[in-house]
Amino acid sequence: MGEHPIKAFGLLVSVSALAYVPLALIYTPWSWAAFGPFSMQLSRPAHYIVYFFAGFALGSYALDRGLLASDGPLARHWLACWGTAAGGFALWAGLTALTRPEWSQANPFIQLASTLAFPIACAAGGIFLLAVCLRFSEKRHWALDSLSANAYSMYLIHYVFVVWLQYALVGTGLYVIVKYAIVLFGALVMSWASSVAFDRVFGAQLVSVRRAVSPVPH
């Protein structure tokens, strides 16, 4: 992908569409499967995998290089990225509205168009977030450094907090927007705190083990 955001956008949309569209058409975008307290939309598992490896590939290329350069094309054209993200979301939302309230009764061409619009909206939104962070996050802050260092661990464990907080709020009479804020903030804080605690408790032990098993230079 190098320093070409349009190519990166096209590649991400193409691969994620191949992962998402067939499952969305088979199961519909709204079908869920539950396994105990865990649930997942049947159309999205492969889509999540694509984004996981896309992030892995982008980070492996190194920070402050290519697309992630602080003075690179994303940072310079963040407004264009914002426009693309807004347009992608509007496209997906508008087409999706035409499939409601009953997906099975919607025109098949509208179904296909709405499922194709979802990968476009996701890719545009993700690239916009990268662009705006690169453009405006010019100074370091301890909280952002900690968030960066714990991001992967938070990604692995946040689902537990998201699910159980939603279950805890099901019987309350709170407005949806209030529930959303509680789940978002609560999952962020608890997954962040758990990652920091795990690192402090087990991080030093892992370092000691690595040193113990490493060959001693002569």
N, C-alpha and C. Protein backbone atom coordinates (compact mmCIF):
# COMPACT_ATOMS: atom_id res chain seq x y z
N MET A 1 0.81 -1.20 0.00
CA MET A 1 0.00 0.00 0.00
C MET A 1 0.85 1.26 0.00
N GLY A 2 2.03 1.16 0.64
CA GLY A 2 3.00 2.23 0.56
C GLY A 2 2.44 3.57 0.94
N GLU A 3 2.59 4.56 0.06
CA GLU A 3 2.14 5.91 0.34
C GLU A 3 0.95 6.29 -0.54
N HIS A 4 0.15 5.34 -0.94
CA HIS A 4 -0.96 5.59 -1.84
C HIS A 4 -2.28 5.27 -1.14
N PRO A 5 -2.91 6.26 -0.50
CA PRO A 5 -4.14 5.99 0.25
C PRO A 5 -5.29 5.50 -0.62
N ILE A 6 -5.37 5.95 -1.87
CA ILE A 6 -6.45 5.50 -2.74
C ILE A 6 -6.31 4.01 -3.03
N LYS A 7 -5.07 3.56 -3.29
CA LYS A 7 -4.83 2.13 -3.51
C LYS A 7 -5.14 1.34 -2.24
N ALA A 8 -4.74 1.87 -1.10
CA ALA A 8 -5.00 1.20 0.17
C ALA A 8 -6.51 1.09 0.40
N PHE A 9 -7.22 2.16 0.11
CA PHE A 9 -8.67 2.16 0.28
C PHE A 9 -9.32 1.13 -0.65
N GLY A 10 -8.89 1.12 -1.89
CA GLY A 10 -9.45 0.18 -2.85
C GLY A 10 -9.17 -1.27 -2.48
N LEU A 11 -7.95 -1.53 -2.01
CA LEU A 11 -7.59 -2.89 -1.62
C LEU A 11 -8.39 -3.34 -0.41
N LEU A 12 -8.52 -2.46 0.59
CA LEU A 12 -9.26 -2.81 1.79
C LEU A 12 -10.74 -3.05 1.48
N VAL A 13 -11.32 -2.19 0.65
CA VAL A 13 -12.72 -2.37 0.28
C VAL A 13 -12.91 -3.68 -0.48
N SER A 14 -12.01 -3.98 -1.41
CA SER A 14 -12.16 -5.18 -2.23
C SER A 14 -12.08 -6.45 -1.39
N VAL A 15 -11.05 -6.54 -0.53
CA VAL A 15 -10.87 -7.75 0.27
C VAL A 15 -11.99 -7.90 1.30
N SER A 16 -12.34 -6.80 1.96
CA SER A 16 -13.41 -6.89 2.97
C SER A 16 -14.76 -7.17 2.33
N ALA A 17 -14.97 -6.69 1.10
CA ALA A 17 -16.23 -7.01 0.40
C ALA A 17 -16.31 -8.49 0.09
N LEU A 18 -15.21 -9.08 -0.33
CA LEU A 18 -15.20 -10.52 -0.58
C LEU A 18 -15.49 -11.32 0.69
N ALA A 19 -15.06 -10.78 1.82
CA ALA A 19 -15.27 -11.47 3.10
C ALA A 19 -16.68 -11.25 3.64
N TYR A 20 -17.25 -10.07 3.38
CA TYR A 20 -18.51 -9.71 4.02
C TYR A 20 -19.74 -9.98 3.16
N VAL A 21 -19.71 -9.58 1.90
CA VAL A 21 -20.92 -9.60 1.07
C VAL A 21 -21.56 -10.99 0.94
N PRO A 22 -20.79 -12.06 0.64
CA PRO A 22 -21.46 -13.37 0.52
C PRO A 22 -22.18 -13.79 1.79
N LEU A 23 -21.56 -13.59 2.94
CA LEU A 23 -22.19 -13.98 4.20
C LEU A 23 -23.41 -13.10 4.49
N ALA A 24 -23.32 -11.81 4.16
CA ALA A 24 -24.46 -10.91 4.40
C ALA A 24 -25.65 -11.29 3.54
N LEU A 25 -25.39 -11.72 2.32
CA LEU A 25 -26.48 -12.12 1.44
C LEU A 25 -27.07 -13.47 1.86
N ILE A 26 -26.24 -14.34 2.41
CA ILE A 26 -26.72 -15.65 2.85
C ILE A 26 -27.51 -15.55 4.16
N TYR A 27 -26.94 -14.85 5.14
CA TYR A 27 -27.53 -14.80 6.48
C TYR A 27 -28.31 -13.52 6.77
N THR A 28 -28.22 -12.52 5.90
CA THR A 28 -28.69 -11.14 6.08
C THR A 28 -27.72 -10.40 7.01
N PRO A 29 -27.65 -9.09 6.92
CA PRO A 29 -26.72 -8.35 7.80
C PRO A 29 -27.15 -8.33 9.26
N TRP A 30 -28.37 -8.78 9.57
CA TRP A 30 -28.89 -8.60 10.92
C TRP A 30 -29.01 -9.90 11.72
N SER A 31 -28.65 -11.02 11.16
CA SER A 31 -28.79 -12.30 11.87
C SER A 31 -27.65 -12.48 12.87
N TRP A 32 -28.00 -12.93 14.07
CA TRP A 32 -27.02 -13.15 15.13
C TRP A 32 -27.02 -14.61 15.55
N ALA A 33 -25.86 -15.05 16.03
CA ALA A 33 -25.73 -16.37 16.66
C ALA A 33 -25.21 -16.15 18.07
N ALA A 34 -25.76 -16.89 19.03
CA ALA A 34 -25.36 -16.72 20.43
C ALA A 34 -24.79 -18.03 20.96
N PHE A 35 -23.71 -17.91 21.72
CA PHE A 35 -23.07 -19.04 22.38
C PHE A 35 -22.90 -18.66 23.85
N GLY A 36 -23.90 -19.00 24.65
CA GLY A 36 -23.87 -18.54 26.04
C GLY A 36 -23.99 -17.03 26.08
N PRO A 37 -23.08 -16.38 26.79
CA PRO A 37 -23.14 -14.92 26.88
C PRO A 37 -22.53 -14.21 25.67
N PHE A 38 -21.97 -14.96 24.75
CA PHE A 38 -21.29 -14.36 23.61
C PHE A 38 -22.17 -14.43 22.37
N SER A 39 -22.17 -13.38 21.60
CA SER A 39 -22.97 -13.33 20.39
C SER A 39 -22.20 -12.62 19.28
N MET A 40 -22.58 -12.91 18.05
CA MET A 40 -21.88 -12.32 16.90
C MET A 40 -22.81 -12.32 15.71
N GLN A 41 -22.72 -11.26 14.91
CA GLN A 41 -23.47 -11.21 13.67
C GLN A 41 -22.84 -12.18 12.67
N LEU A 42 -23.68 -13.02 12.08
CA LEU A 42 -23.19 -14.08 11.21
C LEU A 42 -22.53 -13.55 9.94
N SER A 43 -22.82 -12.32 9.58
CA SER A 43 -22.25 -11.76 8.35
C SER A 43 -20.84 -11.20 8.54
N ARG A 44 -20.37 -11.09 9.79
CA ARG A 44 -19.16 -10.30 10.01
C ARG A 44 -17.88 -11.02 10.45
N PRO A 45 -17.88 -12.29 10.80
CA PRO A 45 -16.62 -12.88 11.29
C PRO A 45 -15.45 -12.73 10.31
N ALA A 46 -15.65 -13.02 9.04
CA ALA A 46 -14.55 -12.90 8.06
C ALA A 46 -14.16 -11.45 7.87
N HIS A 47 -15.12 -10.56 7.97
CA HIS A 47 -14.86 -9.12 7.87
C HIS A 47 -13.93 -8.66 8.99
N TYR A 48 -14.17 -9.15 10.20
CA TYR A 48 -13.31 -8.81 11.34
C TYR A 48 -11.89 -9.33 11.12
N ILE A 49 -11.79 -10.52 10.59
CA ILE A 49 -10.47 -11.11 10.35
C ILE A 49 -9.68 -10.27 9.35
N VAL A 50 -10.36 -9.81 8.30
CA VAL A 50 -9.70 -8.96 7.30
C VAL A 50 -9.13 -7.70 7.96
N TYR A 51 -9.92 -7.07 8.81
CA TYR A 51 -9.44 -5.84 9.44
C TYR A 51 -8.33 -6.11 10.45
N PHE A 52 -8.39 -7.25 11.10
CA PHE A 52 -7.30 -7.60 12.02
C PHE A 52 -5.98 -7.68 11.27
N PHE A 53 -5.96 -8.40 10.17
CA PHE A 53 -4.71 -8.56 9.44
C PHE A 53 -4.33 -7.29 8.67
N ALA A 54 -5.31 -6.48 8.30
CA ALA A 54 -4.99 -5.20 7.68
C ALA A 54 -4.26 -4.29 8.66
N GLY A 55 -4.74 -4.26 9.90
CA GLY A 55 -4.06 -3.47 10.92
C GLY A 55 -2.68 -4.03 11.24
N PHE A 56 -2.59 -5.36 11.27
CA PHE A 56 -1.30 -6.00 11.53
C PHE A 56 -0.29 -5.63 10.43
N ALA A 57 -0.74 -5.69 9.16
CA ALA A 57 0.15 -5.38 8.04
C ALA A 57 0.58 -3.92 8.06
N LEU A 58 -0.37 -3.04 8.36
CA LEU A 58 -0.07 -1.61 8.38
C LEU A 58 0.91 -1.28 9.49
N GLY A 59 0.70 -1.86 10.67
CA GLY A 59 1.62 -1.61 11.78
C GLY A 59 2.99 -2.22 11.57
N SER A 60 3.04 -3.38 10.88
CA SER A 60 4.32 -4.05 10.63
C SER A 60 5.20 -3.25 9.68
N TYR A 61 4.57 -2.43 8.85
CA TYR A 61 5.33 -1.62 7.90
C TYR A 61 6.15 -0.56 8.62
N ALA A 62 5.81 -0.27 9.86
CA ALA A 62 6.49 0.69 10.74
C ALA A 62 5.70 1.98 10.84
N LEU A 63 5.76 2.56 12.03
CA LEU A 63 5.08 3.81 12.29
C LEU A 63 5.86 4.96 11.68
N ASP A 64 5.13 6.02 11.38
CA ASP A 64 5.70 7.25 10.81
C ASP A 64 6.37 7.00 9.46
N ARG A 65 5.86 6.01 8.76
CA ARG A 65 6.30 5.75 7.39
C ARG A 65 5.09 5.45 6.53
N GLY A 66 5.20 5.68 5.24
CA GLY A 66 4.12 5.35 4.32
C GLY A 66 2.83 6.06 4.70
N LEU A 67 1.75 5.30 4.79
CA LEU A 67 0.46 5.89 5.13
C LEU A 67 0.43 6.50 6.52
N LEU A 68 1.25 5.97 7.42
CA LEU A 68 1.25 6.45 8.80
C LEU A 68 2.25 7.56 9.07
N ALA A 69 2.86 8.11 8.04
CA ALA A 69 3.79 9.22 8.22
C ALA A 69 3.04 10.45 8.73
N SER A 70 3.61 11.13 9.71
CA SER A 70 2.94 12.28 10.30
C SER A 70 2.76 13.42 9.30
N ASP A 71 3.57 13.44 8.25
CA ASP A 71 3.43 14.45 7.20
C ASP A 71 3.06 13.79 5.87
N GLY A 72 2.49 12.58 5.95
CA GLY A 72 2.18 11.82 4.75
C GLY A 72 0.85 12.22 4.12
N PRO A 73 0.41 11.47 3.12
CA PRO A 73 -0.78 11.83 2.37
C PRO A 73 -2.07 11.83 3.20
N LEU A 74 -2.18 10.94 4.17
CA LEU A 74 -3.39 10.93 4.99
C LEU A 74 -3.48 12.18 5.84
N ALA A 75 -2.37 12.55 6.47
CA ALA A 75 -2.38 13.75 7.30
C ALA A 75 -2.64 15.00 6.47
N ARG A 76 -2.07 15.06 5.28
CA ARG A 76 -2.24 16.25 4.44
C ARG A 76 -3.66 16.36 3.88
N HIS A 77 -4.31 15.23 3.65
CA HIS A 77 -5.62 15.25 3.01
C HIS A 77 -6.71 14.73 3.94
N TRP A 78 -6.62 15.10 5.21
CA TRP A 78 -7.58 14.60 6.18
C TRP A 78 -8.99 15.08 5.89
N LEU A 79 -9.13 16.29 5.33
CA LEU A 79 -10.47 16.78 5.00
C LEU A 79 -11.12 15.95 3.90
N ALA A 80 -10.32 15.55 2.91
CA ALA A 80 -10.84 14.68 1.85
C ALA A 80 -11.24 13.33 2.45
N CYS A 81 -10.46 12.85 3.42
CA CYS A 81 -10.81 11.59 4.09
C CYS A 81 -12.12 11.73 4.85
N TRP A 82 -12.31 12.90 5.47
CA TRP A 82 -13.56 13.15 6.19
C TRP A 82 -14.74 13.14 5.23
N GLY A 83 -14.59 13.79 4.09
CA GLY A 83 -15.66 13.80 3.11
C GLY A 83 -15.98 12.41 2.60
N THR A 84 -14.94 11.62 2.37
CA THR A 84 -15.15 10.24 1.90
C THR A 84 -15.87 9.41 2.95
N ALA A 85 -15.48 9.58 4.22
CA ALA A 85 -16.11 8.84 5.30
C ALA A 85 -17.58 9.23 5.45
N ALA A 86 -17.86 10.53 5.39
CA ALA A 86 -19.24 10.99 5.51
C ALA A 86 -20.08 10.47 4.34
N GLY A 87 -19.50 10.53 3.14
CA GLY A 87 -20.21 10.04 1.97
C GLY A 87 -20.44 8.54 2.02
N GLY A 88 -19.44 7.80 2.48
CA GLY A 88 -19.58 6.35 2.59
C GLY A 88 -20.66 5.97 3.59
N PHE A 89 -20.68 6.67 4.73
CA PHE A 89 -21.71 6.37 5.73
C PHE A 89 -23.10 6.70 5.21
N ALA A 90 -23.23 7.86 4.54
CA ALA A 90 -24.53 8.25 3.99
C ALA A 90 -25.00 7.24 2.94
N LEU A 91 -24.08 6.76 2.12
CA LEU A 91 -24.43 5.77 1.11
C LEU A 91 -24.93 4.49 1.75
N TRP A 92 -24.19 4.00 2.75
CA TRP A 92 -24.61 2.77 3.42
C TRP A 92 -25.94 2.95 4.16
N ALA A 93 -26.07 4.07 4.90
CA ALA A 93 -27.29 4.30 5.67
C ALA A 93 -28.50 4.45 4.75
N GLY A 94 -28.33 5.17 3.65
CA GLY A 94 -29.45 5.36 2.73
C GLY A 94 -29.90 4.07 2.08
N LEU A 95 -28.94 3.28 1.60
CA LEU A 95 -29.30 2.01 0.97
C LEU A 95 -29.87 1.02 1.98
N THR A 96 -29.30 1.02 3.18
CA THR A 96 -29.79 0.10 4.21
C THR A 96 -31.23 0.44 4.60
N ALA A 97 -31.54 1.74 4.64
CA ALA A 97 -32.90 2.15 4.98
C ALA A 97 -33.91 1.59 3.99
N LEU A 98 -33.49 1.39 2.74
CA LEU A 98 -34.39 0.85 1.73
C LEU A 98 -34.66 -0.64 1.92
N THR A 99 -33.84 -1.29 2.75
CA THR A 99 -34.05 -2.73 3.02
C THR A 99 -34.88 -2.96 4.28
N ARG A 100 -35.25 -1.90 4.96
CA ARG A 100 -36.02 -2.01 6.19
C ARG A 100 -37.50 -1.81 5.91
N PRO A 101 -38.41 -2.37 6.75
CA PRO A 101 -38.11 -3.13 7.97
C PRO A 101 -37.90 -4.62 7.74
N GLU A 102 -38.20 -5.11 6.54
CA GLU A 102 -38.09 -6.55 6.28
C GLU A 102 -37.11 -6.81 5.16
N TRP A 103 -35.94 -7.36 5.52
CA TRP A 103 -34.87 -7.60 4.55
C TRP A 103 -35.33 -8.51 3.41
N SER A 104 -36.07 -9.54 3.72
CA SER A 104 -36.47 -10.53 2.70
C SER A 104 -37.39 -9.95 1.64
N GLN A 105 -38.05 -8.85 1.94
CA GLN A 105 -38.96 -8.25 0.99
C GLN A 105 -38.32 -7.14 0.16
N ALA A 106 -37.08 -6.81 0.45
CA ALA A 106 -36.39 -5.74 -0.27
C ALA A 106 -35.96 -6.22 -1.66
N ASN A 107 -35.80 -5.29 -2.57
CA ASN A 107 -35.33 -5.60 -3.92
C ASN A 107 -33.94 -6.23 -3.84
N PRO A 108 -33.70 -7.35 -4.55
CA PRO A 108 -32.38 -8.01 -4.47
C PRO A 108 -31.22 -7.09 -4.86
N PHE A 109 -31.45 -6.19 -5.81
CA PHE A 109 -30.39 -5.27 -6.21
C PHE A 109 -30.08 -4.28 -5.09
N ILE A 110 -31.11 -3.87 -4.35
CA ILE A 110 -30.89 -2.98 -3.20
C ILE A 110 -30.16 -3.74 -2.10
N GLN A 111 -30.51 -5.00 -1.90
CA GLN A 111 -29.80 -5.81 -0.92
C GLN A 111 -28.32 -5.88 -1.24
N LEU A 112 -28.00 -6.17 -2.51
CA LEU A 112 -26.61 -6.26 -2.93
C LEU A 112 -25.91 -4.93 -2.78
N ALA A 113 -26.56 -3.85 -3.18
CA ALA A 113 -25.95 -2.52 -3.09
C ALA A 113 -25.67 -2.13 -1.64
N SER A 114 -26.60 -2.43 -0.74
CA SER A 114 -26.40 -2.07 0.66
C SER A 114 -25.28 -2.88 1.30
N THR A 115 -25.15 -4.16 0.91
CA THR A 115 -24.06 -4.96 1.47
C THR A 115 -22.71 -4.51 0.91
N LEU A 116 -22.68 -4.06 -0.34
CA LEU A 116 -21.44 -3.53 -0.91
C LEU A 116 -21.08 -2.19 -0.29
N ALA A 117 -22.08 -1.42 0.12
CA ALA A 117 -21.82 -0.12 0.71
C ALA A 117 -21.19 -0.23 2.10
N PHE A 118 -21.47 -1.33 2.80
CA PHE A 118 -20.93 -1.49 4.15
C PHE A 118 -19.41 -1.53 4.17
N PRO A 119 -18.72 -2.35 3.36
CA PRO A 119 -17.26 -2.31 3.34
C PRO A 119 -16.70 -0.94 2.93
N ILE A 120 -17.40 -0.24 2.06
CA ILE A 120 -16.95 1.10 1.67
C ILE A 120 -17.00 2.05 2.86
N ALA A 121 -18.11 2.03 3.59
CA ALA A 121 -18.26 2.90 4.75
C ALA A 121 -17.23 2.56 5.83
N CYS A 122 -16.99 1.27 6.06
CA CYS A 122 -16.02 0.85 7.08
C CYS A 122 -14.61 1.31 6.72
N ALA A 123 -14.20 1.07 5.48
CA ALA A 123 -12.85 1.45 5.06
C ALA A 123 -12.67 2.96 5.11
N ALA A 124 -13.67 3.69 4.63
CA ALA A 124 -13.57 5.15 4.62
C ALA A 124 -13.50 5.70 6.04
N GLY A 125 -14.31 5.16 6.94
CA GLY A 125 -14.29 5.61 8.32
C GLY A 125 -12.98 5.30 9.02
N GLY A 126 -12.45 4.10 8.79
CA GLY A 126 -11.18 3.74 9.41
C GLY A 126 -10.03 4.60 8.93
N ILE A 127 -9.98 4.85 7.64
CA ILE A 127 -8.90 5.68 7.08
C ILE A 127 -9.02 7.12 7.57
N PHE A 128 -10.26 7.61 7.72
CA PHE A 128 -10.45 8.96 8.24
C PHE A 128 -9.92 9.07 9.67
N LEU A 129 -10.20 8.08 10.51
CA LEU A 129 -9.70 8.12 11.88
C LEU A 129 -8.17 8.16 11.92
N LEU A 130 -7.53 7.37 11.06
CA LEU A 130 -6.07 7.43 10.97
C LEU A 130 -5.62 8.81 10.54
N ALA A 131 -6.30 9.37 9.54
CA ALA A 131 -5.89 10.67 9.00
C ALA A 131 -6.01 11.77 10.04
N VAL A 132 -7.11 11.81 10.77
CA VAL A 132 -7.31 12.89 11.72
C VAL A 132 -6.35 12.76 12.91
N CYS A 133 -6.04 11.52 13.30
CA CYS A 133 -5.06 11.33 14.38
C CYS A 133 -3.67 11.77 13.94
N LEU A 134 -3.29 11.42 12.73
CA LEU A 134 -1.98 11.82 12.21
C LEU A 134 -1.88 13.33 12.07
N ARG A 135 -2.98 13.96 11.72
CA ARG A 135 -2.96 15.41 11.49
C ARG A 135 -2.90 16.20 12.79
N PHE A 136 -3.62 15.75 13.82
CA PHE A 136 -3.78 16.59 15.00
C PHE A 136 -3.08 16.05 16.25
N SER A 137 -2.65 14.79 16.25
CA SER A 137 -1.95 14.25 17.42
C SER A 137 -0.45 14.49 17.26
N GLU A 138 -0.05 15.73 17.43
CA GLU A 138 1.35 16.11 17.21
C GLU A 138 2.19 16.05 18.47
N LYS A 139 1.55 16.05 19.62
CA LYS A 139 2.29 16.05 20.88
C LYS A 139 2.00 14.76 21.64
N ARG A 140 3.00 14.30 22.37
CA ARG A 140 2.85 13.07 23.15
C ARG A 140 2.18 13.38 24.47
N HIS A 141 1.43 12.40 24.95
CA HIS A 141 0.76 12.50 26.24
C HIS A 141 0.80 11.13 26.89
N TRP A 142 0.99 11.10 28.19
CA TRP A 142 1.15 9.82 28.88
C TRP A 142 -0.06 8.92 28.68
N ALA A 143 -1.26 9.51 28.67
CA ALA A 143 -2.46 8.70 28.51
C ALA A 143 -2.51 8.07 27.12
N LEU A 144 -2.16 8.85 26.11
CA LEU A 144 -2.16 8.32 24.75
C LEU A 144 -1.06 7.28 24.56
N ASP A 145 0.10 7.51 25.21
CA ASP A 145 1.18 6.52 25.15
C ASP A 145 0.73 5.20 25.78
N SER A 146 0.05 5.29 26.92
CA SER A 146 -0.43 4.09 27.59
C SER A 146 -1.50 3.40 26.75
N LEU A 147 -2.38 4.17 26.16
CA LEU A 147 -3.43 3.60 25.31
C LEU A 147 -2.82 2.88 24.12
N SER A 148 -1.78 3.47 23.54
CA SER A 148 -1.10 2.85 22.41
C SER A 148 -0.43 1.54 22.82
N ALA A 149 0.25 1.57 23.96
CA ALA A 149 0.97 0.38 24.42
C ALA A 149 0.03 -0.77 24.78
N ASN A 150 -1.19 -0.44 25.20
CA ASN A 150 -2.13 -1.48 25.64
C ASN A 150 -3.22 -1.77 24.62
N ALA A 151 -3.13 -1.17 23.44
CA ALA A 151 -4.22 -1.28 22.46
C ALA A 151 -4.51 -2.72 22.06
N TYR A 152 -3.46 -3.50 21.83
CA TYR A 152 -3.69 -4.87 21.36
C TYR A 152 -4.34 -5.72 22.44
N SER A 153 -3.86 -5.59 23.66
CA SER A 153 -4.47 -6.35 24.76
C SER A 153 -5.92 -5.94 24.97
N MET A 154 -6.20 -4.66 24.85
CA MET A 154 -7.57 -4.17 24.98
C MET A 154 -8.45 -4.74 23.88
N TYR A 155 -7.89 -4.84 22.69
CA TYR A 155 -8.64 -5.42 21.57
C TYR A 155 -9.02 -6.87 21.86
N LEU A 156 -8.14 -7.60 22.52
CA LEU A 156 -8.40 -9.01 22.79
C LEU A 156 -9.45 -9.23 23.87
N ILE A 157 -9.54 -8.31 24.83
CA ILE A 157 -10.40 -8.57 25.99
C ILE A 157 -11.63 -7.66 26.08
N HIS A 158 -11.73 -6.65 25.22
CA HIS A 158 -12.81 -5.67 25.39
C HIS A 158 -14.19 -6.29 25.21
N TYR A 159 -14.29 -7.34 24.41
CA TYR A 159 -15.59 -7.92 24.09
C TYR A 159 -16.31 -8.42 25.34
N VAL A 160 -15.54 -8.95 26.28
CA VAL A 160 -16.13 -9.46 27.52
C VAL A 160 -16.85 -8.33 28.26
N PHE A 161 -16.21 -7.19 28.37
CA PHE A 161 -16.81 -6.06 29.09
C PHE A 161 -17.98 -5.46 28.31
N VAL A 162 -17.85 -5.41 27.00
CA VAL A 162 -18.95 -4.88 26.17
C VAL A 162 -20.20 -5.73 26.36
N VAL A 163 -20.04 -7.05 26.27
CA VAL A 163 -21.19 -7.94 26.36
C VAL A 163 -21.85 -7.88 27.73
N TRP A 164 -21.05 -7.97 28.80
CA TRP A 164 -21.64 -8.03 30.13
C TRP A 164 -22.21 -6.70 30.56
N LEU A 165 -21.63 -5.59 30.13
CA LEU A 165 -22.23 -4.29 30.43
C LEU A 165 -23.57 -4.13 29.74
N GLN A 166 -23.67 -4.63 28.50
CA GLN A 166 -24.96 -4.57 27.80
C GLN A 166 -26.01 -5.42 28.52
N TYR A 167 -25.61 -6.61 28.95
CA TYR A 167 -26.54 -7.46 29.70
C TYR A 167 -26.98 -6.79 31.00
N ALA A 168 -26.04 -6.12 31.67
CA ALA A 168 -26.37 -5.47 32.94
C ALA A 168 -27.35 -4.33 32.77
N LEU A 169 -27.37 -3.71 31.60
CA LEU A 169 -28.24 -2.55 31.36
C LEU A 169 -29.56 -2.90 30.70
N VAL A 170 -29.76 -4.18 30.36
CA VAL A 170 -30.96 -4.58 29.62
C VAL A 170 -32.23 -4.20 30.38
N GLY A 171 -32.28 -4.45 31.68
CA GLY A 171 -33.50 -4.22 32.44
C GLY A 171 -33.68 -2.81 32.95
N THR A 172 -32.77 -1.92 32.64
CA THR A 172 -32.88 -0.54 33.12
C THR A 172 -33.77 0.28 32.19
N GLY A 173 -34.24 1.40 32.71
CA GLY A 173 -35.08 2.28 31.90
C GLY A 173 -34.32 3.43 31.29
N LEU A 174 -33.01 3.28 31.15
CA LEU A 174 -32.20 4.37 30.63
C LEU A 174 -32.42 4.54 29.13
N TYR A 175 -32.20 5.76 28.66
CA TYR A 175 -32.27 6.02 27.23
C TYR A 175 -31.15 5.27 26.51
N VAL A 176 -31.39 4.96 25.24
CA VAL A 176 -30.41 4.20 24.46
C VAL A 176 -29.06 4.92 24.43
N ILE A 177 -29.08 6.23 24.24
CA ILE A 177 -27.83 6.98 24.13
C ILE A 177 -27.05 6.92 25.45
N VAL A 178 -27.77 6.87 26.57
CA VAL A 178 -27.11 6.77 27.88
C VAL A 178 -26.48 5.38 28.03
N LYS A 179 -27.21 4.34 27.63
CA LYS A 179 -26.66 2.99 27.67
C LYS A 179 -25.41 2.89 26.80
N TYR A 180 -25.50 3.47 25.62
CA TYR A 180 -24.36 3.46 24.70
C TYR A 180 -23.14 4.10 25.34
N ALA A 181 -23.33 5.26 25.99
CA ALA A 181 -22.20 5.96 26.61
C ALA A 181 -21.61 5.15 27.76
N ILE A 182 -22.48 4.51 28.55
CA ILE A 182 -22.00 3.71 29.69
C ILE A 182 -21.19 2.52 29.19
N VAL A 183 -21.70 1.83 28.17
CA VAL A 183 -20.99 0.66 27.64
C VAL A 183 -19.67 1.08 27.02
N LEU A 184 -19.69 2.15 26.22
CA LEU A 184 -18.47 2.61 25.57
C LEU A 184 -17.41 3.01 26.59
N PHE A 185 -17.77 3.88 27.52
CA PHE A 185 -16.81 4.36 28.51
C PHE A 185 -16.39 3.25 29.46
N GLY A 186 -17.37 2.44 29.91
CA GLY A 186 -17.05 1.37 30.85
C GLY A 186 -16.14 0.32 30.25
N ALA A 187 -16.43 -0.10 29.02
CA ALA A 187 -15.58 -1.10 28.36
C ALA A 187 -14.18 -0.56 28.12
N LEU A 188 -14.09 0.71 27.73
CA LEU A 188 -12.78 1.32 27.52
C LEU A 188 -11.96 1.34 28.80
N VAL A 189 -12.55 1.82 29.87
CA VAL A 189 -11.82 1.94 31.14
C VAL A 189 -11.44 0.57 31.69
N MET A 190 -12.38 -0.38 31.68
CA MET A 190 -12.11 -1.69 32.29
C MET A 190 -11.12 -2.51 31.47
N SER A 191 -11.22 -2.47 30.15
CA SER A 191 -10.26 -3.22 29.34
C SER A 191 -8.87 -2.58 29.43
N TRP A 192 -8.82 -1.27 29.50
CA TRP A 192 -7.54 -0.56 29.65
C TRP A 192 -6.91 -0.89 30.99
N ALA A 193 -7.70 -0.80 32.06
CA ALA A 193 -7.18 -1.09 33.39
C ALA A 193 -6.74 -2.55 33.51
N SER A 194 -7.49 -3.46 32.91
CA SER A 194 -7.13 -4.88 32.96
C SER A 194 -5.81 -5.13 32.25
N SER A 195 -5.61 -4.48 31.11
CA SER A 195 -4.37 -4.65 30.36
C SER A 195 -3.18 -4.12 31.15
N VAL A 196 -3.34 -2.96 31.75
CA VAL A 196 -2.26 -2.37 32.56
C VAL A 196 -1.94 -3.27 33.74
N ALA A 197 -2.97 -3.77 34.43
CA ALA A 197 -2.76 -4.63 35.59
C ALA A 197 -2.07 -5.93 35.20
N PHE A 198 -2.51 -6.52 34.09
CA PHE A 198 -1.89 -7.76 33.63
C PHE A 198 -0.41 -7.55 33.33
N ASP A 199 -0.10 -6.43 32.68
CA ASP A 199 1.28 -6.16 32.33
C ASP A 199 2.14 -5.96 33.58
N ARG A 200 1.60 -5.28 34.58
CA ARG A 200 2.36 -5.04 35.80
C ARG A 200 2.57 -6.32 36.60
N VAL A 201 1.58 -7.19 36.60
CA VAL A 201 1.67 -8.42 37.39
C VAL A 201 2.54 -9.47 36.69
N PHE A 202 2.32 -9.64 35.38
CA PHE A 202 2.97 -10.72 34.67
C PHE A 202 4.10 -10.26 33.75
N GLY A 203 4.15 -8.98 33.45
CA GLY A 203 5.17 -8.49 32.53
C GLY A 203 6.58 -8.74 33.04
N ALA A 204 6.83 -8.41 34.31
CA ALA A 204 8.16 -8.60 34.87
C ALA A 204 8.52 -10.08 34.93
N GLN A 205 7.53 -10.94 35.22
CA GLN A 205 7.80 -12.38 35.27
C GLN A 205 8.16 -12.92 33.88
N LEU A 206 7.48 -12.44 32.86
CA LEU A 206 7.79 -12.89 31.51
C LEU A 206 9.19 -12.47 31.09
N VAL A 207 9.58 -11.24 31.49
CA VAL A 207 10.93 -10.78 31.18
C VAL A 207 11.96 -11.66 31.87
N SER A 208 11.69 -12.02 33.13
CA SER A 208 12.61 -12.88 33.87
C SER A 208 12.73 -14.25 33.23
N VAL A 209 11.62 -14.80 32.78
CA VAL A 209 11.65 -16.11 32.13
C VAL A 209 12.44 -16.06 30.84
N ARG A 210 12.23 -15.00 30.06
CA ARG A 210 12.95 -14.86 28.80
C ARG A 210 14.45 -14.77 29.04
N ARG A 211 14.84 -14.03 30.07
CA ARG A 211 16.26 -13.92 30.39
C ARG A 211 16.83 -15.25 30.85
N ALA A 212 16.01 -16.01 31.57
CA ALA A 212 16.49 -17.29 32.11
C ALA A 212 16.72 -18.30 31.00
N VAL A 213 15.90 -18.28 29.99
CA VAL A 213 16.03 -19.27 28.92
C VAL A 213 16.91 -18.79 27.78
N SER A 214 17.28 -17.52 27.76
CA SER A 214 18.13 -17.00 26.69
C SER A 214 19.55 -17.48 26.91
N PRO A 215 20.25 -17.78 25.82
CA PRO A 215 21.66 -18.22 25.96
C PRO A 215 22.52 -17.09 26.52
N VAL A 216 23.40 -17.45 27.40
CA VAL A 216 24.30 -16.48 28.02
C VAL A 216 25.48 -16.24 27.09
N PRO A 217 25.73 -14.98 26.66
CA PRO A 217 26.85 -14.73 25.76
C PRO A 217 28.19 -14.99 26.45
N HIS A 218 29.13 -15.50 25.70
CA HIS A 218 30.47 -15.79 26.25
C HIS A 218 31.46 -14.74 25.73
